[in-house]
């Protein structure tokens, strides 16, 4: 039984290693304070992304890109191109 538990622990650590380390962001809150935290912190604080401080988890990056795409606004209509 101890061998099975050790094997499961090994598989768990391998899966976590493959998944990557959680991204830690530097972001600015609406009141102007700079904070650091994970993607869930950034979203709950309605923060503005500044930079990634550490980590390599692609799932967190996907979540951050989705959040940022929802917040993009433009000031005016794009100019028409002459062809």
C-alpha atoms as a PDB file:
ATOM      1  CA  UNK A   1       0.000   0.000   0.000  1.00  0.00           C
ATOM      2  CA  UNK A   2       2.868   2.375   0.771  1.00  0.00           C
ATOM      3  CA  UNK A   3       4.288   1.742  -2.721  1.00  0.00           C
ATOM      4  CA  UNK A   4       0.998   2.765  -4.345  1.00  0.00           C
ATOM      5  CA  UNK A   5       0.854   5.963  -2.291  1.00  0.00           C
ATOM      6  CA  UNK A   6       4.437   6.832  -3.224  1.00  0.00           C
ATOM      7  CA  UNK A   7       3.676   6.183  -6.898  1.00  0.00           C
ATOM      8  CA  UNK A   8       0.552   8.398  -6.744  1.00  0.00           C
ATOM      9  CA  UNK A   9       2.561  11.178  -5.067  1.00  0.00           C
ATOM     10  CA  UNK A  10       5.154  10.890  -7.831  1.00  0.00           C
ATOM     11  CA  UNK A  11       2.470  11.100 -10.519  1.00  0.00           C
ATOM     12  CA  UNK A  12       0.890  14.106  -8.770  1.00  0.00           C
ATOM     13  CA  UNK A  13       4.185  15.997  -8.623  1.00  0.00           C
ATOM     14  CA  UNK A  14       4.889  15.155 -12.274  1.00  0.00           C
ATOM     15  CA  UNK A  15       1.463  16.468 -13.336  1.00  0.00           C
ATOM     16  CA  UNK A  16       1.988  19.695 -11.374  1.00  0.00           C
ATOM     17  CA  UNK A  17       5.413  20.164 -12.968  1.00  0.00           C
ATOM     18  CA  UNK A  18       3.944  19.715 -16.464  1.00  0.00           C
ATOM     19  CA  UNK A  19       1.145  22.148 -15.691  1.00  0.00           C
ATOM     20  CA  UNK A  20       3.585  24.962 -14.977  1.00  0.00           C
ATOM     21  CA  UNK A  21       3.979  27.488 -12.206  1.00  0.00           C
ATOM     22  CA  UNK A  22       1.191  29.941 -11.548  1.00  0.00           C
ATOM     23  CA  UNK A  23       1.728  33.357 -13.130  1.00  0.00           C
ATOM     24  CA  UNK A  24       2.282  36.252 -10.748  1.00  0.00           C
ATOM     25  CA  UNK A  25       1.212  39.592 -12.205  1.00  0.00           C
ATOM     26  CA  UNK A  26       1.963  43.199 -11.375  1.00  0.00           C
ATOM     27  CA  UNK A  27      -1.225  45.157 -11.950  1.00  0.00           C
ATOM     28  CA  UNK A  28      -2.791  48.503 -11.160  1.00  0.00           C
ATOM     29  CA  UNK A  29      -6.120  48.816  -9.365  1.00  0.00           C
ATOM     30  CA  UNK A  30      -8.700  51.441 -10.399  1.00  0.00           C
ATOM     31  CA  UNK A  31      -7.645  53.628  -7.442  1.00  0.00           C
ATOM     32  CA  UNK A  32      -4.053  53.734  -8.762  1.00  0.00           C
ATOM     33  CA  UNK A  33      -2.348  51.280  -6.390  1.00  0.00           C
ATOM     34  CA  UNK A  34       0.074  48.731  -7.804  1.00  0.00           C
ATOM     35  CA  UNK A  35      -0.440  45.189  -6.560  1.00  0.00           C
ATOM     36  CA  UNK A  36       0.958  41.775  -7.288  1.00  0.00           C
ATOM     37  CA  UNK A  37      -1.108  38.621  -7.416  1.00  0.00           C
ATOM     38  CA  UNK A  38      -2.442  35.820  -9.563  1.00  0.00           C
ATOM     39  CA  UNK A  39      -4.965  36.145 -12.383  1.00  0.00           C
ATOM     40  CA  UNK A  40      -7.938  35.695 -10.055  1.00  0.00           C
ATOM     41  CA  UNK A  41      -6.673  38.592  -7.896  1.00  0.00           C
ATOM     42  CA  UNK A  42      -6.253  40.792 -10.978  1.00  0.00           C
ATOM     43  CA  UNK A  43      -9.789  40.060 -12.173  1.00  0.00           C
ATOM     44  CA  UNK A  44     -11.440  40.473  -8.758  1.00  0.00           C
ATOM     45  CA  UNK A  45      -9.668  43.823  -8.225  1.00  0.00           C
ATOM     46  CA  UNK A  46     -10.673  44.935 -11.752  1.00  0.00           C
ATOM     47  CA  UNK A  47      -6.975  45.575 -12.320  1.00  0.00           C
ATOM     48  CA  UNK A  48      -5.038  46.746 -15.334  1.00  0.00           C
ATOM     49  CA  UNK A  49      -2.231  44.414 -16.396  1.00  0.00           C
ATOM     50  CA  UNK A  50       1.272  45.877 -16.143  1.00  0.00           C
ATOM     51  CA  UNK A  51       3.650  42.896 -16.409  1.00  0.00           C
ATOM     52  CA  UNK A  52       4.263  39.262 -15.518  1.00  0.00           C
ATOM     53  CA  UNK A  53       6.665  38.885 -12.594  1.00  0.00           C
ATOM     54  CA  UNK A  54       7.063  35.105 -12.595  1.00  0.00           C
ATOM     55  CA  UNK A  55       5.514  31.831 -13.670  1.00  0.00           C
ATOM     56  CA  UNK A  56       4.891  29.958 -16.888  1.00  0.00           C
ATOM     57  CA  UNK A  57       1.357  28.532 -16.739  1.00  0.00           C
ATOM     58  CA  UNK A  58      -0.324  28.951 -20.128  1.00  0.00           C
ATOM     59  CA  UNK A  59      -3.828  28.515 -18.667  1.00  0.00           C
ATOM     60  CA  UNK A  60      -3.287  31.687 -16.619  1.00  0.00           C
ATOM     61  CA  UNK A  61      -2.076  33.508 -19.728  1.00  0.00           C
ATOM     62  CA  UNK A  62      -5.190  32.461 -21.666  1.00  0.00           C
ATOM     63  CA  UNK A  63      -7.410  33.686 -18.837  1.00  0.00           C
ATOM     64  CA  UNK A  64      -5.557  37.027 -18.714  1.00  0.00           C
ATOM     65  CA  UNK A  65      -5.880  37.529 -22.481  1.00  0.00           C
ATOM     66  CA  UNK A  66      -9.630  36.813 -22.338  1.00  0.00           C
ATOM     67  CA  UNK A  67      -9.987  39.347 -19.500  1.00  0.00           C
ATOM     68  CA  UNK A  68      -7.983  42.014 -21.351  1.00  0.00           C
ATOM     69  CA  UNK A  69      -9.871  41.504 -24.636  1.00  0.00           C
ATOM     70  CA  UNK A  70     -13.158  42.233 -22.835  1.00  0.00           C
ATOM     71  CA  UNK A  71     -11.752  45.545 -21.585  1.00  0.00           C
ATOM     72  CA  UNK A  72     -10.355  46.920 -24.855  1.00  0.00           C
ATOM     73  CA  UNK A  73     -12.039  50.110 -26.035  1.00  0.00           C
ATOM     74  CA  UNK A  74     -11.266  52.377 -28.950  1.00  0.00           C
ATOM     75  CA  UNK A  75     -11.610  56.128 -29.056  1.00  0.00           C
ATOM     76  CA  UNK A  76     -12.899  56.386 -32.617  1.00  0.00           C
ATOM     77  CA  UNK A  77     -13.751  54.458 -35.713  1.00  0.00           C
ATOM     78  CA  UNK A  78     -10.725  53.328 -37.739  1.00  0.00           C
ATOM     79  CA  UNK A  79      -9.970  55.373 -40.834  1.00  0.00           C
ATOM     80  CA  UNK A  80     -10.864  53.882 -44.201  1.00  0.00           C
ATOM     81  CA  UNK A  81      -7.968  52.603 -46.242  1.00  0.00           C
ATOM     82  CA  UNK A  82      -7.335  53.829 -49.732  1.00  0.00           C
ATOM     83  CA  UNK A  83      -6.598  51.059 -52.195  1.00  0.00           C
END
